[in-house]
Amino acid sequence: MKNVFPALALGLTSILSVTVLSTPASAEDKKAAPIHVRGSIVDYQGSTLKVKTREGEIIDVALADDWKVAGVADAKVTDIKPGDFVGIASMPKAHGGDGALEVLIFPPAMKGTGEGSYGWDLKPESSMTNATVADAVKGVDGRTVTVTYHGKEKKIAIPDGTPVVTIAGATKDDLVPGAVVFITAEKAATGPIAHQVVVGKNGVVPPM
């Protein structure tokens, strides 16, 4: 399995844009068929990952023949600049607008891929927006960004303390017990079959 940057870029783009790519444009907010597994690794043997999910269940995740692995690296909210392409998971705020749950800053080579805003399962009523930053304004409580996608505009507040990450290289050697993972998989009768694995390393965990 090659872990050169283009492969990482393609893999992680698929993770964050799979809903857009598999859902009609007229139904942006519907969830796609792939499922997400969030948790920590219990064991990794051959083509199987044993994972303790965030719900506390221990499951076996089969690794597809074409599976890819990527990591994440820590970034700062001040790294977000106009023109950047970002993936932001957010939720509606009680007083209006959206508040970020996490931000992923894509490298320039991935700009525009998976563009759109659609339902996400990080938390109930959350959404994922892959879009270009039009402006970033610092406020009293964090930062607010205006992002654009498909001719639409959305303002998202990023409170202080919101996890902000970017892509990092990773290999199967990083799939060690205790490592936190975010897995995109297909549902099968035998259990989840993973095509994409994002693994935490160096103290940084996948926040998506």
Protein backbone atom coordinates (compact mmCIF):
# COMPACT_ATOMS: atom_id res chain seq x y z
CA MET A 1 0.00 0.00 0.00
CA LYS A 2 1.51 3.30 -1.10
CA ASN A 3 1.25 6.24 1.25
CA VAL A 4 2.40 9.07 -1.00
CA PHE A 5 0.58 12.41 -0.64
CA PRO A 6 -1.77 12.04 -3.65
CA ALA A 7 -3.10 8.80 -2.20
CA LEU A 8 -3.63 10.45 1.18
CA ALA A 9 -5.37 13.39 -0.44
CA LEU A 10 -7.67 11.15 -2.46
CA GLY A 11 -8.40 8.95 0.53
CA LEU A 12 -9.28 11.68 2.99
CA THR A 13 -11.25 13.59 0.37
CA SER A 14 -13.36 10.47 -0.09
CA ILE A 15 -13.92 10.28 3.65
CA LEU A 16 -15.23 13.80 3.96
CA SER A 17 -17.09 14.04 0.64
CA VAL A 18 -18.58 10.59 0.19
CA THR A 19 -22.06 11.84 1.10
CA VAL A 20 -21.91 14.54 -1.55
CA LEU A 21 -20.58 12.18 -4.20
CA SER A 22 -23.23 9.54 -3.60
CA THR A 23 -26.24 11.77 -2.94
CA PRO A 24 -28.24 13.67 -5.58
CA ALA A 25 -27.64 17.43 -5.55
CA SER A 26 -31.33 17.97 -4.77
CA ALA A 27 -30.99 15.94 -1.57
CA GLU A 28 -27.84 17.39 0.00
CA ASP A 29 -29.01 16.88 3.55
CA LYS A 30 -29.71 13.14 3.29
CA LYS A 31 -27.21 10.67 4.70
CA ALA A 32 -25.36 8.44 2.29
CA ALA A 33 -25.03 4.67 2.44
CA PRO A 34 -21.49 4.52 3.94
CA ILE A 35 -21.30 4.28 7.72
CA HIS A 36 -18.81 5.85 10.11
CA VAL A 37 -17.07 4.05 12.95
CA ARG A 38 -15.51 6.20 15.67
CA GLY A 39 -13.54 4.68 18.49
CA SER A 40 -10.16 3.28 19.54
CA ILE A 41 -8.22 0.30 18.30
CA VAL A 42 -8.27 -2.83 20.43
CA ASP A 43 -6.22 -4.95 18.01
CA TYR A 44 -5.00 -5.00 14.41
CA GLN A 45 -4.34 -8.32 12.73
CA GLY A 46 -3.89 -8.77 8.98
CA SER A 47 -7.02 -7.44 7.31
CA THR A 48 -9.08 -6.86 10.46
CA LEU A 49 -9.29 -3.98 12.92
CA LYS A 50 -10.92 -4.67 16.26
CA VAL A 51 -12.36 -1.38 17.48
CA LYS A 52 -14.05 -0.25 20.68
CA THR A 53 -16.60 2.25 19.40
CA ARG A 54 -17.48 5.51 21.13
CA GLU A 55 -20.71 3.76 22.17
CA GLY A 56 -18.65 1.14 24.04
CA GLU A 57 -19.25 -1.79 21.66
CA ILE A 58 -16.29 -3.88 20.47
CA ILE A 59 -16.59 -4.73 16.77
CA ASP A 60 -14.46 -6.28 14.03
CA VAL A 61 -13.93 -4.05 11.00
CA ALA A 62 -12.72 -5.80 7.86
CA LEU A 63 -10.26 -3.85 5.71
CA ALA A 64 -11.18 -3.79 2.02
CA ASP A 65 -8.54 -4.65 -0.57
CA ASP A 66 -8.30 -0.97 -1.58
CA TRP A 67 -8.29 0.51 1.93
CA LYS A 68 -6.28 3.65 2.64
CA VAL A 69 -4.93 5.16 5.83
CA ALA A 70 -4.27 8.81 6.71
CA GLY A 71 -3.44 10.74 9.85
CA VAL A 72 -4.19 14.17 11.23
CA ALA A 73 -1.90 16.87 12.57
CA ASP A 74 -2.70 19.71 14.94
CA ALA A 75 -3.44 23.14 13.47
CA LYS A 76 -4.65 26.45 14.89
CA VAL A 77 -7.74 28.51 14.22
CA THR A 78 -5.41 31.36 13.24
CA ASP A 79 -4.16 29.14 10.38
CA ILE A 80 -7.53 29.52 8.64
CA LYS A 81 -7.16 32.13 5.92
CA PRO A 82 -9.41 33.46 3.14
CA GLY A 83 -9.07 31.17 0.12
CA ASP A 84 -8.45 28.03 2.18
CA PHE A 85 -10.61 24.98 1.51
CA VAL A 86 -11.96 23.55 4.75
CA GLY A 87 -14.25 20.84 6.07
CA ILE A 88 -16.26 22.05 9.07
CA ALA A 89 -18.62 19.93 11.14
CA SER A 90 -21.12 22.21 12.81
CA MET A 91 -24.45 22.40 14.61
CA PRO A 92 -27.20 25.02 14.71
CA LYS A 93 -26.81 27.44 17.62
CA ALA A 94 -29.72 28.27 19.91
CA HIS A 95 -29.65 31.95 18.95
CA GLY A 96 -29.20 31.31 15.23
CA GLY A 97 -26.39 30.44 12.85
CA ASP A 98 -24.03 27.50 13.05
CA GLY A 99 -21.27 26.72 15.55
CA ALA A 100 -18.28 24.56 14.58
CA LEU A 101 -17.61 21.22 16.25
CA GLU A 102 -14.32 20.72 14.41
CA VAL A 103 -12.39 22.09 11.44
CA LEU A 104 -10.17 20.30 8.94
CA ILE A 105 -7.95 22.50 6.75
CA PHE A 106 -7.39 20.76 3.42
CA PRO A 107 -4.05 21.10 1.60
CA PRO A 108 -4.19 23.20 -1.60
CA ALA A 109 -4.13 20.11 -3.85
CA MET A 110 -7.54 19.08 -2.48
CA LYS A 111 -9.30 22.42 -2.93
CA GLY A 112 -12.81 22.05 -4.34
CA THR A 113 -13.10 18.30 -3.91
CA GLY A 114 -16.31 17.14 -2.26
CA GLU A 115 -17.64 20.68 -2.17
CA GLY A 116 -21.02 21.03 -0.46
CA SER A 117 -22.94 20.99 2.81
CA TYR A 118 -24.74 17.86 3.99
CA GLY A 119 -25.94 15.91 6.99
CA TRP A 120 -23.25 14.46 9.28
CA ASP A 121 -23.37 12.03 12.18
CA LEU A 122 -20.81 13.44 14.59
CA LYS A 123 -23.69 14.63 16.76
CA PRO A 124 -27.47 14.75 16.27
CA GLU A 125 -28.43 17.53 13.83
CA SER A 126 -24.80 18.16 12.85
CA SER A 127 -23.71 18.91 9.30
CA MET A 128 -20.47 18.84 7.33
CA THR A 129 -19.54 21.71 5.04
CA ASN A 130 -16.66 21.42 2.56
CA ALA A 131 -16.16 24.93 1.24
CA THR A 132 -13.82 27.82 0.51
CA VAL A 133 -13.22 30.45 3.19
CA ALA A 134 -14.38 33.84 1.90
CA ASP A 135 -13.35 35.71 5.03
CA ALA A 136 -12.31 35.03 8.59
CA VAL A 137 -13.12 37.60 11.27
CA LYS A 138 -11.87 37.43 14.85
CA GLY A 139 -14.52 38.18 17.43
CA VAL A 140 -14.90 38.33 21.19
CA ASP A 141 -15.59 34.59 21.43
CA GLY A 142 -13.39 32.88 18.86
CA ARG A 143 -13.69 33.45 15.14
CA THR A 144 -16.43 33.48 12.51
CA VAL A 145 -15.79 32.35 8.95
CA THR A 146 -17.87 32.88 5.85
CA VAL A 147 -17.56 29.93 3.49
CA THR A 148 -18.84 29.52 -0.05
CA TYR A 149 -19.84 26.42 -2.01
CA HIS A 150 -21.82 25.96 -5.24
CA GLY A 151 -22.71 29.64 -5.26
CA LYS A 152 -24.07 29.50 -1.71
CA GLU A 153 -22.75 31.20 1.42
CA LYS A 154 -22.69 30.06 5.04
CA LYS A 155 -21.38 31.71 8.21
CA ILE A 156 -19.95 29.41 10.87
CA ALA A 157 -18.72 30.51 14.29
CA ILE A 158 -15.58 28.73 15.54
CA PRO A 159 -15.51 29.00 19.34
CA ASP A 160 -12.20 29.04 21.18
CA GLY A 161 -11.08 25.49 21.87
CA THR A 162 -12.65 23.99 18.73
CA PRO A 163 -10.39 21.19 17.39
CA VAL A 164 -8.60 22.28 14.20
CA VAL A 165 -6.54 19.76 12.24
CA THR A 166 -4.96 19.14 8.87
CA ILE A 167 -3.84 16.02 7.01
CA ALA A 168 -0.76 14.07 8.07
CA GLY A 169 0.89 10.97 6.69
CA ALA A 170 0.20 7.60 8.32
CA THR A 171 0.91 3.93 7.71
CA LYS A 172 -0.50 0.65 8.98
CA ASP A 173 2.21 0.75 11.67
CA ASP A 174 0.23 3.56 13.30
CA LEU A 175 -2.72 1.22 13.87
CA VAL A 176 -1.73 0.34 17.42
CA PRO A 177 -3.94 -0.53 20.40
CA GLY A 178 -5.41 2.60 21.93
CA ALA A 179 -5.07 4.72 18.77
CA VAL A 180 -8.22 6.71 18.03
CA VAL A 181 -9.73 6.11 14.59
CA PHE A 182 -12.40 7.51 12.31
CA ILE A 183 -13.43 4.89 9.75
CA THR A 184 -15.57 5.16 6.65
CA ALA A 185 -17.03 1.75 5.87
CA GLU A 186 -19.76 -0.03 4.00
CA LYS A 187 -22.36 -2.00 5.91
CA ALA A 188 -22.28 -5.74 5.28
CA ALA A 189 -23.93 -8.78 6.80
CA THR A 190 -20.59 -9.83 8.26
CA GLY A 191 -19.91 -6.40 9.75
CA PRO A 192 -18.38 -3.10 8.56
CA ILE A 193 -15.93 -3.20 5.64
CA ALA A 194 -13.53 -0.24 5.79
CA HIS A 195 -12.24 1.64 2.79
CA GLN A 196 -10.83 4.62 4.67
CA VAL A 197 -9.15 4.84 8.08
CA VAL A 198 -8.05 8.09 9.72
CA VAL A 199 -5.86 7.37 12.72
CA GLY A 200 -4.71 9.65 15.52
CA LYS A 201 -1.01 9.97 16.28
CA ASN A 202 1.33 12.15 18.30
CA GLY A 203 -1.50 13.07 20.64
CA VAL A 204 -3.79 14.39 17.88
CA VAL A 205 -7.04 12.49 17.31
CA PRO A 206 -9.47 12.64 14.36
CA PRO A 207 -12.18 15.08 15.50
CA MET A 208 -14.56 14.45 12.61
